[in-house]
Amino acid sequence: MEAGTGWRLLTVFSGVAVVIPAIRVATEWWNKHKLYLIPSPNIAAKLFDFMVNAGPVTAIKVFQDTLNELVHDGRAMLKNRSV
């Protein structure tokens, strides 16, 4: 396989290489889970990576829990701030 063609060797089964168009699959996942709606490309890319490794349901739940915790902590900090 040539580098940069968008194809990735996944596995060899019975001596036959199985390939998929990796860029197309990644784009489908990106669009399916609407990661393009996340304002920060860096955060979207990290979430995508986490989704691939942990599964989309787990990754999105952890991401939501983290955002909720940040909002809660931010509100608590504002309440406790002395002016």
PDB file of N, CA and C in Angstrom:
ATOM      1  N   MET A   1       0.849  -1.183   0.000  1.00  0.00           N
ATOM      2  CA  MET A   1       0.000   0.000   0.000  1.00  0.00           C
ATOM      3  C   MET A   1       0.892   1.243   0.000  1.00  0.00           C
ATOM      4  N   GLU A   2       0.498   2.204  -0.770  1.00  0.00           N
ATOM      5  CA  GLU A   2       1.245   3.447  -0.822  1.00  0.00           C
ATOM      6  C   GLU A   2       0.753   4.394   0.263  1.00  0.00           C
ATOM      7  N   ALA A   3       1.676   5.122   0.827  1.00  0.00           N
ATOM      8  CA  ALA A   3       1.307   6.089   1.855  1.00  0.00           C
ATOM      9  C   ALA A   3       0.486   7.205   1.226  1.00  0.00           C
ATOM     10  N   GLY A   4      -0.490   7.687   1.968  1.00  0.00           N
ATOM     11  CA  GLY A   4      -1.270   8.823   1.507  1.00  0.00           C
ATOM     12  C   GLY A   4      -2.412   8.470   0.568  1.00  0.00           C
ATOM     13  N   THR A   5      -2.670   7.192   0.334  1.00  0.00           N
ATOM     14  CA  THR A   5      -3.752   6.830  -0.574  1.00  0.00           C
ATOM     15  C   THR A   5      -5.094   6.750   0.135  1.00  0.00           C
ATOM     16  N   GLY A   6      -5.115   6.775   1.472  1.00  0.00           N
ATOM     17  CA  GLY A   6      -6.348   6.689   2.219  1.00  0.00           C
ATOM     18  C   GLY A   6      -6.786   5.257   2.471  1.00  0.00           C
ATOM     19  N   TRP A   7      -5.944   4.303   2.175  1.00  0.00           N
ATOM     20  CA  TRP A   7      -6.266   2.903   2.411  1.00  0.00           C
ATOM     21  C   TRP A   7      -5.371   2.368   3.500  1.00  0.00           C
ATOM     22  N   ARG A   8      -5.926   1.532   4.331  1.00  0.00           N
ATOM     23  CA  ARG A   8      -5.146   1.004   5.433  1.00  0.00           C
ATOM     24  C   ARG A   8      -5.326  -0.515   5.461  1.00  0.00           C
ATOM     25  N   LEU A   9      -4.247  -1.216   5.661  1.00  0.00           N
ATOM     26  CA  LEU A   9      -4.304  -2.662   5.791  1.00  0.00           C
ATOM     27  C   LEU A   9      -4.850  -2.986   7.172  1.00  0.00           C
ATOM     28  N   LEU A  10      -5.960  -3.703   7.226  1.00  0.00           N
ATOM     29  CA  LEU A  10      -6.556  -4.026   8.517  1.00  0.00           C
ATOM     30  C   LEU A  10      -6.111  -5.374   9.041  1.00  0.00           C
ATOM     31  N   THR A  11      -6.217  -6.382   8.246  1.00  0.00           N
ATOM     32  CA  THR A  11      -5.905  -7.709   8.733  1.00  0.00           C
ATOM     33  C   THR A  11      -5.625  -8.621   7.551  1.00  0.00           C
ATOM     34  N   VAL A  12      -5.036  -9.725   7.823  1.00  0.00           N
ATOM     35  CA  VAL A  12      -4.833 -10.722   6.789  1.00  0.00           C
ATOM     36  C   VAL A  12      -5.614 -11.952   7.207  1.00  0.00           C
ATOM     37  N   PHE A  13      -6.533 -12.359   6.356  1.00  0.00           N
ATOM     38  CA  PHE A  13      -7.387 -13.499   6.649  1.00  0.00           C
ATOM     39  C   PHE A  13      -7.178 -14.543   5.568  1.00  0.00           C
ATOM     40  N   SER A  14      -6.688 -15.682   5.961  1.00  0.00           N
ATOM     41  CA  SER A  14      -6.402 -16.778   5.023  1.00  0.00           C
ATOM     42  C   SER A  14      -5.477 -16.333   3.899  1.00  0.00           C
ATOM     43  N   GLY A  15      -4.529 -15.488   4.243  1.00  0.00           N
ATOM     44  CA  GLY A  15      -3.546 -15.055   3.259  1.00  0.00           C
ATOM     45  C   GLY A  15      -4.023 -13.949   2.342  1.00  0.00           C
ATOM     46  N   VAL A  16      -5.246 -13.464   2.518  1.00  0.00           N
ATOM     47  CA  VAL A  16      -5.780 -12.399   1.672  1.00  0.00           C
ATOM     48  C   VAL A  16      -5.852 -11.127   2.497  1.00  0.00           C
ATOM     49  N   ALA A  17      -5.236 -10.085   2.011  1.00  0.00           N
ATOM     50  CA  ALA A  17      -5.261  -8.808   2.723  1.00  0.00           C
ATOM     51  C   ALA A  17      -6.640  -8.175   2.593  1.00  0.00           C
ATOM     52  N   VAL A  18      -7.181  -7.735   3.715  1.00  0.00           N
ATOM     53  CA  VAL A  18      -8.465  -7.044   3.733  1.00  0.00           C
ATOM     54  C   VAL A  18      -8.163  -5.569   3.947  1.00  0.00           C
ATOM     55  N   VAL A  19      -8.612  -4.726   3.030  1.00  0.00           N
ATOM     56  CA  VAL A  19      -8.350  -3.293   3.141  1.00  0.00           C
ATOM     57  C   VAL A  19      -9.665  -2.532   3.132  1.00  0.00           C
ATOM     58  N   ILE A  20      -9.641  -1.387   3.770  1.00  0.00           N
ATOM     59  CA  ILE A  20     -10.804  -0.506   3.748  1.00  0.00           C
ATOM     60  C   ILE A  20     -10.330   0.900   3.440  1.00  0.00           C
ATOM     61  N   PRO A  21     -11.193   1.706   2.873  1.00  0.00           N
ATOM     62  CA  PRO A  21     -10.835   3.114   2.675  1.00  0.00           C
ATOM     63  C   PRO A  21     -10.942   3.856   4.012  1.00  0.00           C
ATOM     64  N   ALA A  22      -9.835   3.971   4.704  1.00  0.00           N
ATOM     65  CA  ALA A  22      -9.815   4.504   6.068  1.00  0.00           C
ATOM     66  C   ALA A  22     -10.337   5.933   6.154  1.00  0.00           C
ATOM     67  N   ILE A  23     -10.026   6.737   5.198  1.00  0.00           N
ATOM     68  CA  ILE A  23     -10.474   8.134   5.257  1.00  0.00           C
ATOM     69  C   ILE A  23     -11.996   8.201   5.157  1.00  0.00           C
ATOM     70  N   ARG A  24     -12.583   7.387   4.282  1.00  0.00           N
ATOM     71  CA  ARG A  24     -14.043   7.396   4.136  1.00  0.00           C
ATOM     72  C   ARG A  24     -14.714   6.932   5.427  1.00  0.00           C
ATOM     73  N   VAL A  25     -14.184   5.889   6.030  1.00  0.00           N
ATOM     74  CA  VAL A  25     -14.759   5.371   7.269  1.00  0.00           C
ATOM     75  C   VAL A  25     -14.641   6.408   8.381  1.00  0.00           C
ATOM     76  N   ALA A  26     -13.489   7.046   8.500  1.00  0.00           N
ATOM     77  CA  ALA A  26     -13.293   8.076   9.527  1.00  0.00           C
ATOM     78  C   ALA A  26     -14.258   9.240   9.301  1.00  0.00           C
ATOM     79  N   THR A  27     -14.428   9.642   8.052  1.00  0.00           N
ATOM     80  CA  THR A  27     -15.342  10.741   7.739  1.00  0.00           C
ATOM     81  C   THR A  27     -16.780  10.366   8.084  1.00  0.00           C
ATOM     82  N   GLU A  28     -17.174   9.134   7.777  1.00  0.00           N
ATOM     83  CA  GLU A  28     -18.527   8.687   8.116  1.00  0.00           C
ATOM     84  C   GLU A  28     -18.756   8.731   9.622  1.00  0.00           C
ATOM     85  N   TRP A  29     -17.770   8.274  10.403  1.00  0.00           N
ATOM     86  CA  TRP A  29     -17.881   8.297  11.870  1.00  0.00           C
ATOM     87  C   TRP A  29     -17.956   9.734  12.365  1.00  0.00           C
ATOM     88  N   TRP A  30     -17.078  10.577  11.827  1.00  0.00           N
ATOM     89  CA  TRP A  30     -17.021  11.991  12.225  1.00  0.00           C
ATOM     90  C   TRP A  30     -18.384  12.636  12.007  1.00  0.00           C
ATOM     91  N   ASN A  31     -18.977  12.397  10.842  1.00  0.00           N
ATOM     92  CA  ASN A  31     -20.274  12.994  10.514  1.00  0.00           C
ATOM     93  C   ASN A  31     -21.413  12.345  11.289  1.00  0.00           C
ATOM     94  N   LYS A  32     -21.380  11.025  11.438  1.00  0.00           N
ATOM     95  CA  LYS A  32     -22.444  10.317  12.147  1.00  0.00           C
ATOM     96  C   LYS A  32     -22.607  10.834  13.579  1.00  0.00           C
ATOM     97  N   HIS A  33     -21.486  11.095  14.229  1.00  0.00           N
ATOM     98  CA  HIS A  33     -21.514  11.544  15.620  1.00  0.00           C
ATOM     99  C   HIS A  33     -21.433  13.070  15.744  1.00  0.00           C
ATOM    100  N   LYS A  34     -21.521  13.760  14.622  1.00  0.00           N
ATOM    101  CA  LYS A  34     -21.584  15.234  14.550  1.00  0.00           C
ATOM    102  C   LYS A  34     -20.435  15.920  15.282  1.00  0.00           C
ATOM    103  N   LEU A  35     -19.258  15.346  15.147  1.00  0.00           N
ATOM    104  CA  LEU A  35     -18.102  15.946  15.813  1.00  0.00           C
ATOM    105  C   LEU A  35     -17.724  17.290  15.212  1.00  0.00           C
ATOM    106  N   TYR A  36     -18.192  17.568  13.999  1.00  0.00           N
ATOM    107  CA  TYR A  36     -17.932  18.860  13.355  1.00  0.00           C
ATOM    108  C   TYR A  36     -18.624  20.011  14.100  1.00  0.00           C
ATOM    109  N   LEU A  37     -19.569  19.697  14.989  1.00  0.00           N
ATOM    110  CA  LEU A  37     -20.255  20.738  15.758  1.00  0.00           C
ATOM    111  C   LEU A  37     -19.445  21.221  16.963  1.00  0.00           C
ATOM    112  N   ILE A  38     -18.396  20.491  17.321  1.00  0.00           N
ATOM    113  CA  ILE A  38     -17.552  20.891  18.450  1.00  0.00           C
ATOM    114  C   ILE A  38     -16.652  22.035  17.981  1.00  0.00           C
ATOM    115  N   PRO A  39     -16.719  23.191  18.639  1.00  0.00           N
ATOM    116  CA  PRO A  39     -15.976  24.372  18.173  1.00  0.00           C
ATOM    117  C   PRO A  39     -14.455  24.181  18.103  1.00  0.00           C
ATOM    118  N   SER A  40     -13.898  23.388  18.996  1.00  0.00           N
ATOM    119  CA  SER A  40     -12.447  23.207  19.010  1.00  0.00           C
ATOM    120  C   SER A  40     -12.055  21.960  18.221  1.00  0.00           C
ATOM    121  N   PRO A  41     -11.289  22.125  17.139  1.00  0.00           N
ATOM    122  CA  PRO A  41     -10.850  20.956  16.375  1.00  0.00           C
ATOM    123  C   PRO A  41      -9.995  19.997  17.205  1.00  0.00           C
ATOM    124  N   ASN A  42      -9.221  20.536  18.150  1.00  0.00           N
ATOM    125  CA  ASN A  42      -8.380  19.679  18.995  1.00  0.00           C
ATOM    126  C   ASN A  42      -9.223  18.796  19.908  1.00  0.00           C
ATOM    127  N   ILE A  43     -10.249  19.388  20.505  1.00  0.00           N
ATOM    128  CA  ILE A  43     -11.127  18.610  21.388  1.00  0.00           C
ATOM    129  C   ILE A  43     -11.911  17.587  20.571  1.00  0.00           C
ATOM    130  N   ALA A  44     -12.392  17.991  19.405  1.00  0.00           N
ATOM    131  CA  ALA A  44     -13.124  17.062  18.542  1.00  0.00           C
ATOM    132  C   ALA A  44     -12.247  15.883  18.143  1.00  0.00           C
ATOM    133  N   ALA A  45     -10.987  16.154  17.813  1.00  0.00           N
ATOM    134  CA  ALA A  45     -10.064  15.084  17.414  1.00  0.00           C
ATOM    135  C   ALA A  45      -9.776  14.142  18.582  1.00  0.00           C
ATOM    136  N   LYS A  46      -9.624  14.680  19.780  1.00  0.00           N
ATOM    137  CA  LYS A  46      -9.387  13.836  20.966  1.00  0.00           C
ATOM    138  C   LYS A  46     -10.610  12.970  21.263  1.00  0.00           C
ATOM    139  N   LEU A  47     -11.801  13.567  21.149  1.00  0.00           N
ATOM    140  CA  LEU A  47     -13.024  12.806  21.383  1.00  0.00           C
ATOM    141  C   LEU A  47     -13.154  11.699  20.334  1.00  0.00           C
ATOM    142  N   PHE A  48     -12.854  12.005  19.087  1.00  0.00           N
ATOM    143  CA  PHE A  48     -12.897  10.994  18.023  1.00  0.00           C
ATOM    144  C   PHE A  48     -11.951   9.846  18.351  1.00  0.00           C
ATOM    145  N   ASP A  49     -10.744  10.173  18.762  1.00  0.00           N
ATOM    146  CA  ASP A  49      -9.764   9.150  19.122  1.00  0.00           C
ATOM    147  C   ASP A  49     -10.270   8.289  20.283  1.00  0.00           C
ATOM    148  N   PHE A  50     -10.843   8.940  21.285  1.00  0.00           N
ATOM    149  CA  PHE A  50     -11.399   8.225  22.440  1.00  0.00           C
ATOM    150  C   PHE A  50     -12.558   7.326  22.012  1.00  0.00           C
ATOM    151  N   MET A  51     -13.393   7.819  21.083  1.00  0.00           N
ATOM    152  CA  MET A  51     -14.524   7.035  20.582  1.00  0.00           C
ATOM    153  C   MET A  51     -14.052   5.768  19.879  1.00  0.00           C
ATOM    154  N   VAL A  52     -12.980   5.883  19.122  1.00  0.00           N
ATOM    155  CA  VAL A  52     -12.442   4.720  18.411  1.00  0.00           C
ATOM    156  C   VAL A  52     -11.947   3.675  19.408  1.00  0.00           C
ATOM    157  N   ASN A  53     -11.304   4.133  20.474  1.00  0.00           N
ATOM    158  CA  ASN A  53     -10.713   3.205  21.436  1.00  0.00           C
ATOM    159  C   ASN A  53     -11.690   2.678  22.484  1.00  0.00           C
ATOM    160  N   ALA A  54     -12.629   3.512  22.932  1.00  0.00           N
ATOM    161  CA  ALA A  54     -13.524   3.120  24.025  1.00  0.00           C
ATOM    162  C   ALA A  54     -14.942   2.822  23.555  1.00  0.00           C
ATOM    163  N   GLY A  55     -15.230   3.165  22.325  1.00  0.00           N
ATOM    164  CA  GLY A  55     -16.594   3.044  21.817  1.00  0.00           C
ATOM    165  C   GLY A  55     -17.301   4.377  21.957  1.00  0.00           C
ATOM    166  N   PRO A  56     -18.203   4.682  21.034  1.00  0.00           N
ATOM    167  CA  PRO A  56     -18.825   6.005  21.056  1.00  0.00           C
ATOM    168  C   PRO A  56     -19.685   6.275  22.287  1.00  0.00           C
ATOM    169  N   VAL A  57     -20.427   5.290  22.765  1.00  0.00           N
ATOM    170  CA  VAL A  57     -21.307   5.518  23.920  1.00  0.00           C
ATOM    171  C   VAL A  57     -20.492   5.872  25.157  1.00  0.00           C
ATOM    172  N   THR A  58     -19.456   5.092  25.433  1.00  0.00           N
ATOM    173  CA  THR A  58     -18.605   5.342  26.599  1.00  0.00           C
ATOM    174  C   THR A  58     -17.894   6.679  26.478  1.00  0.00           C
ATOM    175  N   ALA A  59     -17.323   6.946  25.310  1.00  0.00           N
ATOM    176  CA  ALA A  59     -16.561   8.179  25.119  1.00  0.00           C
ATOM    177  C   ALA A  59     -17.449   9.410  25.286  1.00  0.00           C
ATOM    178  N   ILE A  60     -18.637   9.375  24.707  1.00  0.00           N
ATOM    179  CA  ILE A  60     -19.530  10.528  24.797  1.00  0.00           C
ATOM    180  C   ILE A  60     -20.014  10.724  26.234  1.00  0.00           C
ATOM    181  N   LYS A  61     -20.303   9.635  26.937  1.00  0.00           N
ATOM    182  CA  LYS A  61     -20.730   9.740  28.342  1.00  0.00           C
ATOM    183  C   LYS A  61     -19.622  10.347  29.203  1.00  0.00           C
ATOM    184  N   VAL A  62     -18.399   9.884  29.049  1.00  0.00           N
ATOM    185  CA  VAL A  62     -17.277  10.430  29.818  1.00  0.00           C
ATOM    186  C   VAL A  62     -17.080  11.906  29.474  1.00  0.00           C
ATOM    187  N   PHE A  63     -17.180  12.233  28.189  1.00  0.00           N
ATOM    188  CA  PHE A  63     -17.029  13.621  27.743  1.00  0.00           C
ATOM    189  C   PHE A  63     -18.104  14.507  28.376  1.00  0.00           C
ATOM    190  N   GLN A  64     -19.360  14.061  28.352  1.00  0.00           N
ATOM    191  CA  GLN A  64     -20.452  14.833  28.951  1.00  0.00           C
ATOM    192  C   GLN A  64     -20.267  14.989  30.459  1.00  0.00           C
ATOM    193  N   ASP A  65     -19.877  13.903  31.125  1.00  0.00           N
ATOM    194  CA  ASP A  65     -19.644  13.965  32.577  1.00  0.00           C
ATOM    195  C   ASP A  65     -18.535  14.960  32.906  1.00  0.00           C
ATOM    196  N   THR A  66     -17.494  14.954  32.088  1.00  0.00           N
ATOM    197  CA  THR A  66     -16.365  15.878  32.297  1.00  0.00           C
ATOM    198  C   THR A  66     -16.810  17.324  32.119  1.00  0.00           C
ATOM    199  N   LEU A  67     -17.580  17.589  31.063  1.00  0.00           N
ATOM    200  CA  LEU A  67     -18.070  18.954  30.842  1.00  0.00           C
ATOM    201  C   LEU A  67     -18.986  19.403  31.979  1.00  0.00           C
ATOM    202  N   ASN A  68     -19.854  18.507  32.431  1.00  0.00           N
ATOM    203  CA  ASN A  68     -20.742  18.848  33.550  1.00  0.00           C
ATOM    204  C   ASN A  68     -19.951  19.163  34.811  1.00  0.00           C
ATOM    205  N   GLU A  69     -18.905  18.396  35.063  1.00  0.00           N
ATOM    206  CA  GLU A  69     -18.058  18.633  36.239  1.00  0.00           C
ATOM    207  C   GLU A  69     -17.343  19.981  36.130  1.00  0.00           C
ATOM    208  N   LEU A  70     -16.867  20.302  34.941  1.00  0.00           N
ATOM    209  CA  LEU A  70     -16.200  21.597  34.740  1.00  0.00           C
ATOM    210  C   LEU A  70     -17.158  22.755  34.972  1.00  0.00           C
ATOM    211  N   VAL A  71     -18.381  22.621  34.484  1.00  0.00           N
ATOM    212  CA  VAL A  71     -19.381  23.669  34.693  1.00  0.00           C
ATOM    213  C   VAL A  71     -19.702  23.796  36.181  1.00  0.00           C
ATOM    214  N   HIS A  72     -19.897  22.666  36.840  1.00  0.00           N
ATOM    215  CA  HIS A  72     -20.199  22.678  38.283  1.00  0.00           C
ATOM    216  C   HIS A  72     -19.053  23.315  39.059  1.00  0.00           C
ATOM    217  N   ASP A  73     -17.819  22.902  38.774  1.00  0.00           N
ATOM    218  CA  ASP A  73     -16.658  23.464  39.474  1.00  0.00           C
ATOM    219  C   ASP A  73     -16.523  24.956  39.203  1.00  0.00           C
ATOM    220  N   GLY A  74     -16.799  25.371  37.980  1.00  0.00           N
ATOM    221  CA  GLY A  74     -16.709  26.789  37.630  1.00  0.00           C
ATOM    222  C   GLY A  74     -17.722  27.619  38.382  1.00  0.00           C
ATOM    223  N   ARG A  75     -18.929  27.105  38.515  1.00  0.00           N
ATOM    224  CA  ARG A  75     -19.968  27.811  39.275  1.00  0.00           C
ATOM    225  C   ARG A  75     -19.607  27.895  40.747  1.00  0.00           C
ATOM    226  N   ALA A  76     -19.075  26.809  41.284  1.00  0.00           N
ATOM    227  CA  ALA A  76     -18.655  26.793  42.693  1.00  0.00           C
ATOM    228  C   ALA A  76     -17.533  27.802  42.932  1.00  0.00           C
ATOM    229  N   MET A  77     -16.609  27.875  41.987  1.00  0.00           N
ATOM    230  CA  MET A  77     -15.510  28.830  42.133  1.00  0.00           C
ATOM    231  C   MET A  77     -16.020  30.253  42.107  1.00  0.00           C
ATOM    232  N   LEU A  78     -17.018  30.542  41.241  1.00  0.00           N
ATOM    233  CA  LEU A  78     -17.562  31.890  41.179  1.00  0.00           C
ATOM    234  C   LEU A  78     -18.298  32.259  42.460  1.00  0.00           C
ATOM    235  N   LYS A  79     -19.039  31.293  43.047  1.00  0.00           N
ATOM    236  CA  LYS A  79     -19.769  31.556  44.289  1.00  0.00           C
ATOM    237  C   LYS A  79     -18.806  31.843  45.434  1.00  0.00           C
ATOM    238  N   ASN A  80     -17.692  31.140  45.495  1.00  0.00           N
ATOM    239  CA  ASN A  80     -16.741  31.262  46.599  1.00  0.00           C
ATOM    240  C   ASN A  80     -15.730  32.380  46.397  1.00  0.00           C
ATOM    241  N   ARG A  81     -15.769  33.011  45.274  1.00  0.00           N
ATOM    242  CA  ARG A  81     -14.793  34.065  44.974  1.00  0.00           C
ATOM    243  C   ARG A  81     -15.094  35.314  45.789  1.00  0.00           C
ATOM    244  N   SER A  82     -14.084  35.817  46.464  1.00  0.00           N
ATOM    245  CA  SER A  82     -14.281  37.049  47.244  1.00  0.00           C
ATOM    246  C   SER A  82     -13.984  38.243  46.360  1.00  0.00           C
ATOM    247  N   VAL A  83     -14.847  39.234  46.451  1.00  0.00           N
ATOM    248  CA  VAL A  83     -14.711  40.419  45.569  1.00  0.00           C
ATOM    249  C   VAL A  83     -14.165  41.578  46.360  1.00  0.00           C
TER     250      VAL A  83
END
